Protein backbone atom coordinates (compact mmCIF):
# COMPACT_ATOMS: atom_id res chain seq x y z
CA MET A 1 97.80 89.18 -116.58
CA HIS A 2 95.91 92.42 -116.11
CA ILE A 3 97.19 95.69 -117.57
CA GLU A 4 95.52 98.81 -116.28
CA ASN A 5 94.59 101.67 -118.53
CA ILE A 6 97.24 104.23 -117.65
CA GLN A 7 96.37 107.84 -118.40
CA ILE A 8 99.37 109.88 -119.50
CA PRO A 9 98.70 113.60 -119.34
CA GLU A 10 99.07 115.56 -122.55
CA PRO A 11 102.18 117.77 -122.56
CA ILE A 12 101.48 121.44 -121.89
CA ALA A 13 103.82 124.33 -122.65
CA LEU A 14 104.54 127.06 -120.12
CA ASN A 15 106.91 129.02 -122.32
CA ALA A 16 108.45 128.93 -125.80
CA TRP A 17 111.37 130.77 -127.36
CA CYS A 18 113.88 130.52 -130.20
CA LYS A 19 117.62 130.66 -130.13
CA GLY A 20 119.15 130.69 -133.57
CA ARG A 21 117.23 128.18 -135.69
CA THR A 22 116.10 126.08 -132.70
CA VAL A 23 112.72 126.31 -130.95
CA PHE A 24 112.64 125.56 -127.21
CA ILE A 25 109.57 124.64 -125.16
CA GLU A 26 109.36 124.58 -121.36
CA LEU A 27 106.75 122.03 -120.27
CA THR A 28 104.64 121.91 -117.11
CA ASP A 29 106.33 118.64 -116.06
CA GLY A 30 109.70 120.39 -115.74
CA ARG A 31 111.20 119.31 -119.05
CA THR A 32 112.58 121.66 -121.66
CA ILE A 33 112.58 120.23 -125.16
CA SER A 34 113.79 121.66 -128.44
CA PHE A 35 113.58 121.03 -132.15
CA PRO A 36 115.21 122.52 -135.25
CA ALA A 37 113.00 124.86 -137.30
CA ALA A 38 114.20 122.96 -140.37
CA ARG A 39 111.84 120.07 -139.47
CA PHE A 40 108.73 122.09 -140.47
CA ARG A 41 108.01 123.49 -143.96
CA ILE A 42 106.97 127.02 -142.98
CA LEU A 43 109.45 127.41 -140.12
CA SER A 44 112.33 126.21 -142.29
CA LYS A 45 111.79 129.21 -144.60
CA ALA A 46 111.22 131.77 -141.82
CA THR A 47 113.78 134.38 -140.88
CA ASP A 48 115.41 134.28 -137.46
CA GLU A 49 113.31 137.29 -136.46
CA GLN A 50 110.09 135.58 -137.55
CA LEU A 51 111.00 132.46 -135.55
CA LYS A 52 111.43 134.55 -132.40
CA GLU A 53 107.76 135.61 -132.62
CA VAL A 54 106.58 132.24 -131.26
CA MET A 55 103.69 132.37 -128.76
CA VAL A 56 102.15 129.73 -126.50
CA ARG A 57 98.44 129.40 -127.30
CA LEU A 58 95.38 127.29 -126.41
CA ASN A 59 96.30 127.07 -122.72
CA GLY A 60 99.71 125.60 -123.53
CA TYR A 61 98.58 122.96 -126.04
CA ALA A 62 99.89 124.77 -129.14
CA LEU A 63 102.57 127.10 -130.46
CA ARG A 64 101.64 129.94 -132.81
CA TRP A 65 103.59 132.14 -135.21
CA GLU A 66 101.03 134.80 -136.15
CA ASN A 67 102.97 136.44 -138.99
CA LEU A 68 103.73 133.05 -140.55
CA ASP A 69 100.18 131.74 -139.98
CA GLU A 70 101.71 128.59 -138.46
CA ASP A 71 100.36 126.50 -135.58
CA LEU A 72 101.98 123.40 -134.07
CA THR A 73 100.61 121.20 -131.31
CA VAL A 74 102.86 120.64 -128.32
CA LYS A 75 101.80 116.97 -128.25
CA GLY A 76 102.85 116.51 -131.88
CA ILE A 77 106.24 118.07 -131.23
CA VAL A 78 106.84 115.92 -128.13
CA LEU A 79 105.88 112.81 -130.12
CA GLY A 80 108.28 113.81 -132.92
CA ASN A 81 105.64 114.33 -135.60
CA PHE A 82 107.81 116.43 -137.89
CA GLN A 83 106.96 117.33 -141.50
CA LEU A 84 110.48 117.17 -142.90
CA PRO A 85 113.40 114.75 -142.42
CA LEU A 86 116.58 115.75 -140.65
CA PRO A 87 118.78 117.85 -142.96
CA GLU A 88 121.81 116.02 -144.24
């Protein structure tokens, strides 16, 4: 049995925005994904206004909140690499 090395492209963000306490990311492959701000230490303590200041950086490979000094990789988010557990 021969298994070929399949290359899966890294997810790239086209756009990011927040609605309430949820961050949304539009990806180049047509998907829109979201995650609760409560899953990351710094974002969980941010105000709604601070969350809305999200920017796509590094050619779509990262999200940045300048005023919070927070950076998250799109790949990590897509893979579910969250810092905090789901709130109970």
